[in-house]
Amino acid sequence: MHRAGIWGAVGLLALCAATAAPAQTAAPAPGNDLSPGTVQLPFVTLDDARLFSGSRYGQALLAELEAEQTALASENREIEADLARREKELTERRPALPSEEFRALANAFNAEVEDHRNAQKSKERAIYQRHDEARLRFRDVANQVLAQVMQERGALAIIAEEAIVLGFREIDITDAAIARLDDLVGDGSTLPRPGAPGAAPTPAQTAP
């Protein structure tokens, strides 16, 4: 069984209310006739986790997260090595220092260690917050692509793949959605970053 991804079963069932075309446009639009072999059904299924991990845009976001995690881990190791070296030096100096002076140095060192720990935890939280925000941006863009695919297929709703007990392969639009997302958005590098001036373009605006 696939785990729920960026929407989950309930969220995908509600997707039709947010992204599907109005009732009068539920059928394929003029000029968007169904290609031979395409099944027209009132609902289709989607593996949203695979849509994210299988698309170039989603893969770019995952690679960005991994790179930030790797950089932070490297920074943590450098800080830990420096602190370990300084702790050893302080321990070696202890016999030659008055107790009050050593206690003051030890307290200052412990406070510095705690400051480093809190700072690195804040960086880690910031990384995951940025990734969560990027997943939301991915969802906004993907919803527009899914609405296009739904309209072309005459579908009124998308149902999470894991909610289907038995169904035909033809009702799954995951591969079609990945291909369309890759074609229109690519790795997402042309999309405005958060805080950039101007509204984010729709997939239709990013099409070649």
C-alpha atoms as a PDB file:
ATOM      1  CA  MET A   1       0.000   0.000   0.000  1.00  0.00           C
ATOM      2  CA  HIS A   2       1.291   3.444  -0.900  1.00  0.00           C
ATOM      3  CA  ARG A   3       1.547   5.961   1.897  1.00  0.00           C
ATOM      4  CA  ALA A   4      -0.404   9.196   1.643  1.00  0.00           C
ATOM      5  CA  GLY A   5       1.591  11.962   0.043  1.00  0.00           C
ATOM      6  CA  ILE A   6       1.079  15.696  -0.328  1.00  0.00           C
ATOM      7  CA  TRP A   7      -2.712  15.452  -0.368  1.00  0.00           C
ATOM      8  CA  GLY A   8      -3.938  12.115   0.984  1.00  0.00           C
ATOM      9  CA  ALA A   9      -7.199  10.435   0.027  1.00  0.00           C
ATOM     10  CA  VAL A  10      -9.512  13.029   1.527  1.00  0.00           C
ATOM     11  CA  GLY A  11      -7.564  15.945   0.079  1.00  0.00           C
ATOM     12  CA  LEU A  12      -7.628  14.472  -3.386  1.00  0.00           C
ATOM     13  CA  LEU A  13     -11.343  13.845  -3.232  1.00  0.00           C
ATOM     14  CA  ALA A  14     -11.756  17.535  -2.461  1.00  0.00           C
ATOM     15  CA  LEU A  15      -9.396  18.521  -5.256  1.00  0.00           C
ATOM     16  CA  CYS A  16     -12.193  18.561  -7.809  1.00  0.00           C
ATOM     17  CA  ALA A  17     -13.807  21.467  -5.932  1.00  0.00           C
ATOM     18  CA  ALA A  18     -10.625  23.526  -6.073  1.00  0.00           C
ATOM     19  CA  THR A  19      -9.167  22.678  -9.461  1.00  0.00           C
ATOM     20  CA  ALA A  20     -11.704  21.011 -11.746  1.00  0.00           C
ATOM     21  CA  ALA A  21     -13.327  23.111 -14.432  1.00  0.00           C
ATOM     22  CA  PRO A  22     -16.981  24.141 -13.961  1.00  0.00           C
ATOM     23  CA  ALA A  23     -19.622  21.586 -14.827  1.00  0.00           C
ATOM     24  CA  GLN A  24     -20.138  22.949 -18.309  1.00  0.00           C
ATOM     25  CA  THR A  25     -16.431  22.511 -19.054  1.00  0.00           C
ATOM     26  CA  ALA A  26     -16.046  19.080 -17.493  1.00  0.00           C
ATOM     27  CA  ALA A  27     -16.040  17.481 -20.924  1.00  0.00           C
ATOM     28  CA  PRO A  28     -12.928  17.889 -23.082  1.00  0.00           C
ATOM     29  CA  ALA A  29     -12.650  21.420 -24.405  1.00  0.00           C
ATOM     30  CA  PRO A  30     -13.001  22.048 -28.144  1.00  0.00           C
ATOM     31  CA  GLY A  31      -9.759  21.174 -29.845  1.00  0.00           C
ATOM     32  CA  ASN A  32      -8.739  18.892 -26.958  1.00  0.00           C
ATOM     33  CA  ASP A  33     -10.305  15.704 -28.276  1.00  0.00           C
ATOM     34  CA  LEU A  34      -9.321  12.561 -26.458  1.00  0.00           C
ATOM     35  CA  SER A  35      -6.416  10.785 -28.098  1.00  0.00           C
ATOM     36  CA  PRO A  36      -7.015   7.248 -29.404  1.00  0.00           C
ATOM     37  CA  GLY A  37      -7.065   4.765 -26.557  1.00  0.00           C
ATOM     38  CA  THR A  38      -7.726   7.389 -23.860  1.00  0.00           C
ATOM     39  CA  VAL A  39     -10.521   6.334 -21.529  1.00  0.00           C
ATOM     40  CA  GLN A  40     -13.105   8.974 -20.607  1.00  0.00           C
ATOM     41  CA  LEU A  41     -14.410   8.408 -17.086  1.00  0.00           C
ATOM     42  CA  PRO A  42     -16.081  10.584 -14.429  1.00  0.00           C
ATOM     43  CA  PHE A  43     -13.109  10.016 -12.111  1.00  0.00           C
ATOM     44  CA  VAL A  44      -9.421   9.179 -12.394  1.00  0.00           C
ATOM     45  CA  THR A  45      -6.788   8.055  -9.898  1.00  0.00           C
ATOM     46  CA  LEU A  46      -3.430   9.520  -8.945  1.00  0.00           C
ATOM     47  CA  ASP A  47      -0.397   8.397  -6.967  1.00  0.00           C
ATOM     48  CA  ASP A  48       0.502  11.820  -5.601  1.00  0.00           C
ATOM     49  CA  ALA A  49       3.702  10.600  -3.900  1.00  0.00           C
ATOM     50  CA  ARG A  50       4.963   9.286  -7.242  1.00  0.00           C
ATOM     51  CA  LEU A  51       3.891  12.497  -8.948  1.00  0.00           C
ATOM     52  CA  PHE A  52       6.263  14.347  -6.632  1.00  0.00           C
ATOM     53  CA  SER A  53       9.168  11.897  -6.638  1.00  0.00           C
ATOM     54  CA  GLY A  54       8.823  11.039 -10.325  1.00  0.00           C
ATOM     55  CA  SER A  55       8.656  14.556 -11.733  1.00  0.00           C
ATOM     56  CA  ARG A  56      11.728  16.646 -12.537  1.00  0.00           C
ATOM     57  CA  TYR A  57      10.377  19.465 -10.375  1.00  0.00           C
ATOM     58  CA  GLY A  58       9.849  17.196  -7.370  1.00  0.00           C
ATOM     59  CA  GLN A  59      13.241  15.544  -7.859  1.00  0.00           C
ATOM     60  CA  ALA A  60      14.912  18.970  -7.944  1.00  0.00           C
ATOM     61  CA  LEU A  61      13.251  19.893  -4.648  1.00  0.00           C
ATOM     62  CA  LEU A  62      14.373  16.610  -3.068  1.00  0.00           C
ATOM     63  CA  ALA A  63      17.928  17.137  -4.342  1.00  0.00           C
ATOM     64  CA  GLU A  64      17.919  20.644  -2.892  1.00  0.00           C
ATOM     65  CA  LEU A  65      16.781  19.315   0.486  1.00  0.00           C
ATOM     66  CA  GLU A  66      19.462  16.616   0.453  1.00  0.00           C
ATOM     67  CA  ALA A  67      22.175  19.156  -0.436  1.00  0.00           C
ATOM     68  CA  GLU A  68      21.135  21.446   2.439  1.00  0.00           C
ATOM     69  CA  GLN A  69      21.042  18.526   4.863  1.00  0.00           C
ATOM     70  CA  THR A  70      24.487  17.370   3.737  1.00  0.00           C
ATOM     71  CA  ALA A  71      25.943  20.870   4.124  1.00  0.00           C
ATOM     72  CA  LEU A  72      24.455  21.224   7.606  1.00  0.00           C
ATOM     73  CA  ALA A  73      25.757  17.809   8.650  1.00  0.00           C
ATOM     74  CA  SER A  74      29.238  18.797   7.470  1.00  0.00           C
ATOM     75  CA  GLU A  75      29.032  22.055   9.402  1.00  0.00           C
ATOM     76  CA  ASN A  76      27.889  20.181  12.510  1.00  0.00           C
ATOM     77  CA  ARG A  77      30.886  17.837  12.284  1.00  0.00           C
ATOM     78  CA  GLU A  78      33.287  20.779  11.998  1.00  0.00           C
ATOM     79  CA  ILE A  79      31.755  22.505  15.020  1.00  0.00           C
ATOM     80  CA  GLU A  80      31.779  19.286  17.049  1.00  0.00           C
ATOM     81  CA  ALA A  81      35.443  18.653  16.200  1.00  0.00           C
ATOM     82  CA  ASP A  82      36.406  22.190  17.233  1.00  0.00           C
ATOM     83  CA  LEU A  83      34.470  21.969  20.485  1.00  0.00           C
ATOM     84  CA  ALA A  84      36.000  18.582  21.292  1.00  0.00           C
ATOM     85  CA  ARG A  85      39.484  19.985  20.714  1.00  0.00           C
ATOM     86  CA  ARG A  86      38.811  22.994  22.948  1.00  0.00           C
ATOM     87  CA  GLU A  87      37.258  20.825  25.657  1.00  0.00           C
ATOM     88  CA  LYS A  88      40.376  18.657  25.680  1.00  0.00           C
ATOM     89  CA  GLU A  89      42.611  21.724  25.971  1.00  0.00           C
ATOM     90  CA  LEU A  90      40.542  23.076  28.848  1.00  0.00           C
ATOM     91  CA  THR A  91      40.663  19.724  30.630  1.00  0.00           C
ATOM     92  CA  GLU A  92      44.450  19.594  30.244  1.00  0.00           C
ATOM     93  CA  ARG A  93      44.756  23.100  31.715  1.00  0.00           C
ATOM     94  CA  ARG A  94      42.611  22.294  34.729  1.00  0.00           C
ATOM     95  CA  PRO A  95      45.434  21.208  37.117  1.00  0.00           C
ATOM     96  CA  ALA A  96      47.267  24.495  36.590  1.00  0.00           C
ATOM     97  CA  LEU A  97      44.241  26.767  37.000  1.00  0.00           C
ATOM     98  CA  PRO A  98      42.675  28.096  40.207  1.00  0.00           C
ATOM     99  CA  SER A  99      39.318  26.458  40.786  1.00  0.00           C
ATOM    100  CA  GLU A 100      37.376  29.710  40.384  1.00  0.00           C
ATOM    101  CA  GLU A 101      39.068  30.531  37.074  1.00  0.00           C
ATOM    102  CA  PHE A 102      38.524  27.009  35.752  1.00  0.00           C
ATOM    103  CA  ARG A 103      34.859  27.101  36.786  1.00  0.00           C
ATOM    104  CA  ALA A 104      34.355  30.398  34.939  1.00  0.00           C
ATOM    105  CA  LEU A 105      36.040  29.039  31.806  1.00  0.00           C
ATOM    106  CA  ALA A 106      34.023  25.816  31.985  1.00  0.00           C
ATOM    107  CA  ASN A 107      30.739  27.684  32.391  1.00  0.00           C
ATOM    108  CA  ALA A 108      31.555  29.942  29.440  1.00  0.00           C
ATOM    109  CA  PHE A 109      32.461  26.921  27.334  1.00  0.00           C
ATOM    110  CA  ASN A 110      29.235  25.097  28.246  1.00  0.00           C
ATOM    111  CA  ALA A 111      27.209  28.188  27.371  1.00  0.00           C
ATOM    112  CA  GLU A 112      28.954  28.357  23.985  1.00  0.00           C
ATOM    113  CA  VAL A 113      28.212  24.683  23.347  1.00  0.00           C
ATOM    114  CA  GLU A 114      24.529  25.286  24.106  1.00  0.00           C
ATOM    115  CA  ASP A 115      24.477  28.318  21.803  1.00  0.00           C
ATOM    116  CA  HIS A 116      25.950  26.234  18.973  1.00  0.00           C
ATOM    117  CA  ARG A 117      23.418  23.472  19.597  1.00  0.00           C
ATOM    118  CA  ASN A 118      20.478  25.875  19.483  1.00  0.00           C
ATOM    119  CA  ALA A 119      21.804  27.620  16.374  1.00  0.00           C
ATOM    120  CA  GLN A 120      22.239  24.355  14.476  1.00  0.00           C
ATOM    121  CA  LYS A 121      18.778  23.161  15.490  1.00  0.00           C
ATOM    122  CA  SER A 122      17.332  26.429  14.207  1.00  0.00           C
ATOM    123  CA  LYS A 123      19.104  25.912  10.889  1.00  0.00           C
ATOM    124  CA  GLU A 124      17.698  22.393  10.664  1.00  0.00           C
ATOM    125  CA  ARG A 125      14.158  23.628  11.357  1.00  0.00           C
ATOM    126  CA  ALA A 126      14.605  26.352   8.728  1.00  0.00           C
ATOM    127  CA  ILE A 127      15.640  23.757   6.133  1.00  0.00           C
ATOM    128  CA  TYR A 128      12.526  21.678   6.721  1.00  0.00           C
ATOM    129  CA  GLN A 129      10.317  24.757   6.767  1.00  0.00           C
ATOM    130  CA  ARG A 130      11.689  25.822   3.384  1.00  0.00           C
ATOM    131  CA  HIS A 131      11.100  22.320   2.070  1.00  0.00           C
ATOM    132  CA  ASP A 132       7.511  22.301   3.348  1.00  0.00           C
ATOM    133  CA  GLU A 133       6.918  25.642   1.629  1.00  0.00           C
ATOM    134  CA  ALA A 134       8.451  24.248  -1.559  1.00  0.00           C
ATOM    135  CA  ARG A 135       6.095  21.250  -1.383  1.00  0.00           C
ATOM    136  CA  LEU A 136       3.158  23.647  -1.142  1.00  0.00           C
ATOM    137  CA  ARG A 137       4.402  25.537  -4.208  1.00  0.00           C
ATOM    138  CA  PHE A 138       4.766  22.218  -6.008  1.00  0.00           C
ATOM    139  CA  ARG A 139       1.180  21.359  -5.124  1.00  0.00           C
ATOM    140  CA  ASP A 140      -0.096  24.687  -6.460  1.00  0.00           C
ATOM    141  CA  VAL A 141       1.650  24.137  -9.793  1.00  0.00           C
ATOM    142  CA  ALA A 142       0.728  20.452  -9.964  1.00  0.00           C
ATOM    143  CA  ASN A 143      -2.938  21.250  -9.289  1.00  0.00           C
ATOM    144  CA  GLN A 144      -3.046  23.358 -12.427  1.00  0.00           C
ATOM    145  CA  VAL A 145      -1.533  20.533 -14.469  1.00  0.00           C
ATOM    146  CA  LEU A 146      -3.943  18.021 -12.944  1.00  0.00           C
ATOM    147  CA  ALA A 147      -6.892  20.279 -13.787  1.00  0.00           C
ATOM    148  CA  GLN A 148      -5.760  20.303 -17.424  1.00  0.00           C
ATOM    149  CA  VAL A 149      -5.460  16.512 -17.542  1.00  0.00           C
ATOM    150  CA  MET A 150      -8.847  16.108 -15.839  1.00  0.00           C
ATOM    151  CA  GLN A 151     -10.543  18.413 -18.331  1.00  0.00           C
ATOM    152  CA  GLU A 152      -8.997  16.650 -21.303  1.00  0.00           C
ATOM    153  CA  ARG A 153     -10.220  13.311 -20.004  1.00  0.00           C
ATOM    154  CA  GLY A 154     -13.652  14.546 -19.024  1.00  0.00           C
ATOM    155  CA  ALA A 155     -13.036  13.651 -15.376  1.00  0.00           C
ATOM    156  CA  LEU A 156     -14.886  15.345 -12.542  1.00  0.00           C
ATOM    157  CA  ALA A 157     -12.723  14.134  -9.637  1.00  0.00           C
ATOM    158  CA  ILE A 158      -9.348  12.671  -8.744  1.00  0.00           C
ATOM    159  CA  ILE A 159      -9.222   9.819  -6.250  1.00  0.00           C
ATOM    160  CA  ALA A 160      -6.053   8.791  -4.422  1.00  0.00           C
ATOM    161  CA  GLU A 161      -4.672   5.565  -5.845  1.00  0.00           C
ATOM    162  CA  GLU A 162      -4.465   3.948  -2.392  1.00  0.00           C
ATOM    163  CA  ALA A 163      -8.217   4.447  -1.957  1.00  0.00           C
ATOM    164  CA  ILE A 164      -8.943   2.151  -4.926  1.00  0.00           C
ATOM    165  CA  VAL A 165      -9.440  -1.516  -4.068  1.00  0.00           C
ATOM    166  CA  LEU A 166      -9.701  -2.666  -7.672  1.00  0.00           C
ATOM    167  CA  GLY A 167      -9.521  -0.695 -10.899  1.00  0.00           C
ATOM    168  CA  PHE A 168      -8.261  -0.638 -14.464  1.00  0.00           C
ATOM    169  CA  ARG A 169      -4.836   0.765 -15.258  1.00  0.00           C
ATOM    170  CA  GLU A 170      -6.344   3.223 -17.734  1.00  0.00           C
ATOM    171  CA  ILE A 171      -7.936   5.342 -14.992  1.00  0.00           C
ATOM    172  CA  ASP A 172      -4.564   6.262 -13.464  1.00  0.00           C
ATOM    173  CA  ILE A 173      -3.245   9.622 -14.695  1.00  0.00           C
ATOM    174  CA  THR A 174       0.017   9.694 -12.742  1.00  0.00           C
ATOM    175  CA  ASP A 175       2.285   9.061 -15.724  1.00  0.00           C
ATOM    176  CA  ALA A 176       0.375  11.549 -17.867  1.00  0.00           C
ATOM    177  CA  ALA A 177       0.552  14.177 -15.111  1.00  0.00           C
ATOM    178  CA  ILE A 178       4.310  13.636 -14.643  1.00  0.00           C
ATOM    179  CA  ALA A 179       4.920  13.964 -18.379  1.00  0.00           C
ATOM    180  CA  ARG A 180       2.809  17.135 -18.583  1.00  0.00           C
ATOM    181  CA  LEU A 181       4.477  18.644 -15.502  1.00  0.00           C
ATOM    182  CA  ASP A 182       7.941  17.870 -16.884  1.00  0.00           C
ATOM    183  CA  ASP A 183       7.014  19.402 -20.221  1.00  0.00           C
ATOM    184  CA  LEU A 184       5.553  22.618 -18.826  1.00  0.00           C
ATOM    185  CA  VAL A 185       7.645  23.212 -15.709  1.00  0.00           C
ATOM    186  CA  GLY A 186      10.783  21.100 -16.063  1.00  0.00           C
ATOM    187  CA  ASP A 187      12.824  21.184 -12.873  1.00  0.00           C
ATOM    188  CA  GLY A 188      11.044  24.333 -11.666  1.00  0.00           C
ATOM    189  CA  SER A 189      14.155  26.499 -12.044  1.00  0.00           C
ATOM    190  CA  THR A 190      12.254  29.036 -14.171  1.00  0.00           C
ATOM    191  CA  LEU A 191       9.594  29.559 -11.518  1.00  0.00           C
ATOM    192  CA  PRO A 192       9.989  32.623  -9.255  1.00  0.00           C
ATOM    193  CA  ARG A 193      11.518  31.893  -5.884  1.00  0.00           C
ATOM    194  CA  PRO A 194       9.638  32.936  -2.716  1.00  0.00           C
ATOM    195  CA  GLY A 195       9.753  36.683  -2.238  1.00  0.00           C
ATOM    196  CA  ALA A 196      10.567  37.369  -5.870  1.00  0.00           C
ATOM    197  CA  PRO A 197       8.529  40.166  -7.486  1.00  0.00           C
ATOM    198  CA  GLY A 198       5.565  39.115  -9.555  1.00  0.00           C
ATOM    199  CA  ALA A 199       3.100  36.284  -9.194  1.00  0.00           C
ATOM    200  CA  ALA A 200       4.145  32.732  -9.953  1.00  0.00           C
ATOM    201  CA  PRO A 201       3.270  31.824 -13.544  1.00  0.00           C
ATOM    202  CA  THR A 202       0.850  29.073 -14.346  1.00  0.00           C
ATOM    203  CA  PRO A 203       2.087  25.982 -16.196  1.00  0.00           C
ATOM    204  CA  ALA A 204       0.405  27.347 -19.326  1.00  0.00           C
ATOM    205  CA  GLN A 205       2.561  30.475 -19.061  1.00  0.00           C
ATOM    206  CA  THR A 206       5.751  28.443 -18.701  1.00  0.00           C
ATOM    207  CA  ALA A 207       5.024  26.289 -21.712  1.00  0.00           C
ATOM    208  CA  PRO A 208       7.502  26.642 -24.608  1.00  0.00           C
END
